[in-house]
Amino acid sequence: MIRKYKVLFLIMFIVLLMSLQFVDARVKPKKPLSGKIITVDPGHGGTSYTQ
């Protein structure tokens, strides 16, 4: 019975170690739009009543 838990724990530990390679731990910038040009396209925006 104890051997079964040891094997299960070992398998879970190996899976955990293998899954750590998929973790993305990069720090994202606080101002993602800093230094970028933002343009606003007004589009048509009207209704059929006003056109």
PDB file of N, CA and C in Angstrom:
ATOM      1  N   MET A   1       0.830  -1.192   0.000  1.00  0.00           N
ATOM      2  CA  MET A   1       0.000   0.000   0.000  1.00  0.00           C
ATOM      3  C   MET A   1       0.874   1.255   0.000  1.00  0.00           C
ATOM      4  N   ILE A   2       1.888   1.294   0.846  1.00  0.00           N
ATOM      5  CA  ILE A   2       2.778   2.448   0.909  1.00  0.00           C
ATOM      6  C   ILE A   2       3.576   2.565  -0.385  1.00  0.00           C
ATOM      7  N   ARG A   3       3.948   1.436  -0.963  1.00  0.00           N
ATOM      8  CA  ARG A   3       4.705   1.434  -2.211  1.00  0.00           C
ATOM      9  C   ARG A   3       3.879   2.074  -3.327  1.00  0.00           C
ATOM     10  N   LYS A   4       2.578   1.843  -3.323  1.00  0.00           N
ATOM     11  CA  LYS A   4       1.698   2.418  -4.335  1.00  0.00           C
ATOM     12  C   LYS A   4       1.719   3.947  -4.241  1.00  0.00           C
ATOM     13  N   TYR A   5       1.689   4.485  -3.031  1.00  0.00           N
ATOM     14  CA  TYR A   5       1.728   5.935  -2.849  1.00  0.00           C
ATOM     15  C   TYR A   5       3.082   6.515  -3.225  1.00  0.00           C
ATOM     16  N   LYS A   6       4.145   5.783  -2.963  1.00  0.00           N
ATOM     17  CA  LYS A   6       5.475   6.251  -3.340  1.00  0.00           C
ATOM     18  C   LYS A   6       5.591   6.368  -4.855  1.00  0.00           C
ATOM     19  N   VAL A   7       5.087   5.366  -5.557  1.00  0.00           N
ATOM     20  CA  VAL A   7       5.135   5.383  -7.021  1.00  0.00           C
ATOM     21  C   VAL A   7       4.262   6.517  -7.553  1.00  0.00           C
ATOM     22  N   LEU A   8       3.089   6.695  -6.984  1.00  0.00           N
ATOM     23  CA  LEU A   8       2.193   7.773  -7.409  1.00  0.00           C
ATOM     24  C   LEU A   8       2.832   9.132  -7.163  1.00  0.00           C
ATOM     25  N   PHE A   9       3.447   9.317  -5.996  1.00  0.00           N
ATOM     26  CA  PHE A   9       4.120  10.567  -5.677  1.00  0.00           C
ATOM     27  C   PHE A   9       5.283  10.818  -6.631  1.00  0.00           C
ATOM     28  N   LEU A  10       6.029   9.786  -6.950  1.00  0.00           N
ATOM     29  CA  LEU A  10       7.157   9.916  -7.861  1.00  0.00           C
ATOM     30  C   LEU A  10       6.676  10.327  -9.251  1.00  0.00           C
ATOM     31  N   ILE A  11       5.612   9.715  -9.720  1.00  0.00           N
ATOM     32  CA  ILE A  11       5.056  10.061 -11.040  1.00  0.00           C
ATOM     33  C   ILE A  11       4.561  11.503 -11.047  1.00  0.00           C
ATOM     34  N   MET A  12       3.869  11.904  -9.992  1.00  0.00           N
ATOM     35  CA  MET A  12       3.369  13.276  -9.917  1.00  0.00           C
ATOM     36  C   MET A  12       4.519  14.285  -9.866  1.00  0.00           C
ATOM     37  N   PHE A  13       5.581  13.957  -9.163  1.00  0.00           N
ATOM     38  CA  PHE A  13       6.745  14.829  -9.082  1.00  0.00           C
ATOM     39  C   PHE A  13       7.414  14.980 -10.444  1.00  0.00           C
ATOM     40  N   ILE A  14       7.540  13.896 -11.170  1.00  0.00           N
ATOM     41  CA  ILE A  14       8.148  13.946 -12.503  1.00  0.00           C
ATOM     42  C   ILE A  14       7.295  14.771 -13.454  1.00  0.00           C
ATOM     43  N   VAL A  15       5.979  14.592 -13.379  1.00  0.00           N
ATOM     44  CA  VAL A  15       5.074  15.383 -14.230  1.00  0.00           C
ATOM     45  C   VAL A  15       5.186  16.869 -13.880  1.00  0.00           C
ATOM     46  N   LEU A  16       5.288  17.185 -12.609  1.00  0.00           N
ATOM     47  CA  LEU A  16       5.451  18.570 -12.186  1.00  0.00           C
ATOM     48  C   LEU A  16       6.745  19.159 -12.736  1.00  0.00           C
ATOM     49  N   LEU A  17       7.824  18.421 -12.635  1.00  0.00           N
ATOM     50  CA  LEU A  17       9.101  18.909 -13.151  1.00  0.00           C
ATOM     51  C   LEU A  17       9.059  19.110 -14.655  1.00  0.00           C
ATOM     52  N   MET A  18       8.385  18.225 -15.351  1.00  0.00           N
ATOM     53  CA  MET A  18       8.283  18.353 -16.805  1.00  0.00           C
ATOM     54  C   MET A  18       7.394  19.532 -17.189  1.00  0.00           C
ATOM     55  N   SER A  19       6.385  19.826 -16.392  1.00  0.00           N
ATOM     56  CA  SER A  19       5.483  20.924 -16.726  1.00  0.00           C
ATOM     57  C   SER A  19       6.092  22.284 -16.430  1.00  0.00           C
ATOM     58  N   LEU A  20       7.132  22.348 -15.623  1.00  0.00           N
ATOM     59  CA  LEU A  20       7.760  23.626 -15.306  1.00  0.00           C
ATOM     60  C   LEU A  20       8.422  24.268 -16.518  1.00  0.00           C
ATOM     61  N   GLN A  21       8.767  23.499 -17.512  1.00  0.00           N
ATOM     62  CA  GLN A  21       9.404  24.070 -18.690  1.00  0.00           C
ATOM     63  C   GLN A  21       8.417  24.859 -19.548  1.00  0.00           C
ATOM     64  N   PHE A  22       7.127  24.704 -19.312  1.00  0.00           N
ATOM     65  CA  PHE A  22       6.125  25.422 -20.081  1.00  0.00           C
ATOM     66  C   PHE A  22       5.684  26.718 -19.408  1.00  0.00           C
ATOM     67  N   VAL A  23       6.226  27.027 -18.243  1.00  0.00           N
ATOM     68  CA  VAL A  23       5.838  28.226 -17.508  1.00  0.00           C
ATOM     69  C   VAL A  23       6.584  29.426 -18.086  1.00  0.00           C
ATOM     70  N   ASP A  24       5.856  30.498 -18.366  1.00  0.00           N
ATOM     71  CA  ASP A  24       6.455  31.711 -18.888  1.00  0.00           C
ATOM     72  C   ASP A  24       6.540  32.725 -17.753  1.00  0.00           C
ATOM     73  N   ALA A  25       7.732  33.001 -17.282  1.00  0.00           N
ATOM     74  CA  ALA A  25       7.905  33.862 -16.117  1.00  0.00           C
ATOM     75  C   ALA A  25       8.549  35.192 -16.486  1.00  0.00           C
ATOM     76  N   ARG A  26       8.282  35.686 -17.686  1.00  0.00           N
ATOM     77  CA  ARG A  26       8.847  36.976 -18.083  1.00  0.00           C
ATOM     78  C   ARG A  26       8.084  38.115 -17.414  1.00  0.00           C
ATOM     79  N   VAL A  27       8.792  39.186 -17.129  1.00  0.00           N
ATOM     80  CA  VAL A  27       8.170  40.366 -16.534  1.00  0.00           C
ATOM     81  C   VAL A  27       7.647  41.241 -17.663  1.00  0.00           C
ATOM     82  N   LYS A  28       6.364  41.569 -17.600  1.00  0.00           N
ATOM     83  CA  LYS A  28       5.770  42.393 -18.640  1.00  0.00           C
ATOM     84  C   LYS A  28       5.954  43.868 -18.286  1.00  0.00           C
ATOM     85  N   PRO A  29       6.160  44.694 -19.294  1.00  0.00           N
ATOM     86  CA  PRO A  29       6.342  46.117 -19.005  1.00  0.00           C
ATOM     87  C   PRO A  29       5.067  46.741 -18.434  1.00  0.00           C
ATOM     88  N   LYS A  30       5.243  47.753 -17.586  1.00  0.00           N
ATOM     89  CA  LYS A  30       4.086  48.389 -16.953  1.00  0.00           C
ATOM     90  C   LYS A  30       3.369  49.333 -17.904  1.00  0.00           C
ATOM     91  N   LYS A  31       4.070  49.844 -18.906  1.00  0.00           N
ATOM     92  CA  LYS A  31       3.468  50.738 -19.897  1.00  0.00           C
ATOM     93  C   LYS A  31       3.636  50.104 -21.276  1.00  0.00           C
ATOM     94  N   PRO A  32       2.755  49.191 -21.656  1.00  0.00           N
ATOM     95  CA  PRO A  32       2.932  48.482 -22.918  1.00  0.00           C
ATOM     96  C   PRO A  32       2.782  49.379 -24.150  1.00  0.00           C
ATOM     97  N   LEU A  33       2.126  50.541 -24.024  1.00  0.00           N
ATOM     98  CA  LEU A  33       1.941  51.429 -25.168  1.00  0.00           C
ATOM     99  C   LEU A  33       2.971  52.550 -25.214  1.00  0.00           C
ATOM    100  N   SER A  34       3.926  52.551 -24.311  1.00  0.00           N
ATOM    101  CA  SER A  34       4.946  53.580 -24.271  1.00  0.00           C
ATOM    102  C   SER A  34       5.798  53.515 -25.534  1.00  0.00           C
ATOM    103  N   GLY A  35       5.939  54.658 -26.213  1.00  0.00           N
ATOM    104  CA  GLY A  35       6.755  54.720 -27.424  1.00  0.00           C
ATOM    105  C   GLY A  35       6.028  54.279 -28.676  1.00  0.00           C
ATOM    106  N   LYS A  36       4.739  54.009 -28.598  1.00  0.00           N
ATOM    107  CA  LYS A  36       3.971  53.580 -29.765  1.00  0.00           C
ATOM    108  C   LYS A  36       3.015  54.689 -30.181  1.00  0.00           C
ATOM    109  N   ILE A  37       2.717  54.734 -31.458  1.00  0.00           N
ATOM    110  CA  ILE A  37       1.797  55.729 -31.984  1.00  0.00           C
ATOM    111  C   ILE A  37       0.406  55.119 -32.034  1.00  0.00           C
ATOM    112  N   ILE A  38      -0.553  55.833 -31.462  1.00  0.00           N
ATOM    113  CA  ILE A  38      -1.928  55.352 -31.434  1.00  0.00           C
ATOM    114  C   ILE A  38      -2.751  56.231 -32.368  1.00  0.00           C
ATOM    115  N   THR A  39      -3.418  55.620 -33.325  1.00  0.00           N
ATOM    116  CA  THR A  39      -4.284  56.368 -34.233  1.00  0.00           C
ATOM    117  C   THR A  39      -5.724  55.956 -33.974  1.00  0.00           C
ATOM    118  N   VAL A  40      -6.634  56.931 -34.119  1.00  0.00           N
ATOM    119  CA  VAL A  40      -8.052  56.673 -33.897  1.00  0.00           C
ATOM    120  C   VAL A  40      -8.771  56.868 -35.219  1.00  0.00           C
ATOM    121  N   ASP A  41      -9.448  55.844 -35.678  1.00  0.00           N
ATOM    122  CA  ASP A  41     -10.228  55.915 -36.907  1.00  0.00           C
ATOM    123  C   ASP A  41     -11.680  56.145 -36.513  1.00  0.00           C
ATOM    124  N   PRO A  42     -12.238  57.332 -36.827  1.00  0.00           N
ATOM    125  CA  PRO A  42     -13.603  57.610 -36.401  1.00  0.00           C
ATOM    126  C   PRO A  42     -14.642  56.758 -37.102  1.00  0.00           C
ATOM    127  N   GLY A  43     -14.309  56.244 -38.274  1.00  0.00           N
ATOM    128  CA  GLY A  43     -15.269  55.410 -38.991  1.00  0.00           C
ATOM    129  C   GLY A  43     -16.482  56.218 -39.404  1.00  0.00           C
ATOM    130  N   HIS A  44     -17.585  55.563 -39.662  1.00  0.00           N
ATOM    131  CA  HIS A  44     -18.801  56.278 -40.055  1.00  0.00           C
ATOM    132  C   HIS A  44     -19.597  56.633 -38.808  1.00  0.00           C
ATOM    133  N   GLY A  45     -19.878  55.706 -37.978  1.00  0.00           N
ATOM    134  CA  GLY A  45     -20.476  55.958 -36.690  1.00  0.00           C
ATOM    135  C   GLY A  45     -21.875  56.534 -36.686  1.00  0.00           C
ATOM    136  N   GLY A  46     -22.442  56.828 -37.841  1.00  0.00           N
ATOM    137  CA  GLY A  46     -23.775  57.408 -37.861  1.00  0.00           C
ATOM    138  C   GLY A  46     -24.854  56.341 -37.977  1.00  0.00           C
ATOM    139  N   THR A  47     -26.082  56.801 -37.815  1.00  0.00           N
ATOM    140  CA  THR A  47     -27.198  55.892 -38.002  1.00  0.00           C
ATOM    141  C   THR A  47     -27.867  56.241 -39.330  1.00  0.00           C
ATOM    142  N   SER A  48     -28.758  55.425 -39.776  1.00  0.00           N
ATOM    143  CA  SER A  48     -29.447  55.687 -41.046  1.00  0.00           C
ATOM    144  C   SER A  48     -30.321  56.933 -40.954  1.00  0.00           C
ATOM    145  N   TYR A  49     -30.708  57.302 -39.757  1.00  0.00           N
ATOM    146  CA  TYR A  49     -31.564  58.490 -39.571  1.00  0.00           C
ATOM    147  C   TYR A  49     -30.760  59.780 -39.807  1.00  0.00           C
ATOM    148  N   THR A  50     -29.459  59.804 -39.404  1.00  0.00           N
ATOM    149  CA  THR A  50     -28.668  61.026 -39.517  1.00  0.00           C
ATOM    150  C   THR A  50     -27.959  61.135 -40.850  1.00  0.00           C
ATOM    151  N   GLN A  51     -27.928  60.096 -41.642  1.00  0.00           N
ATOM    152  CA  GLN A  51     -27.168  60.167 -42.904  1.00  0.00           C
ATOM    153  C   GLN A  51     -28.038  60.579 -44.036  1.00  0.00           C
TER     154      GLN A  51
END
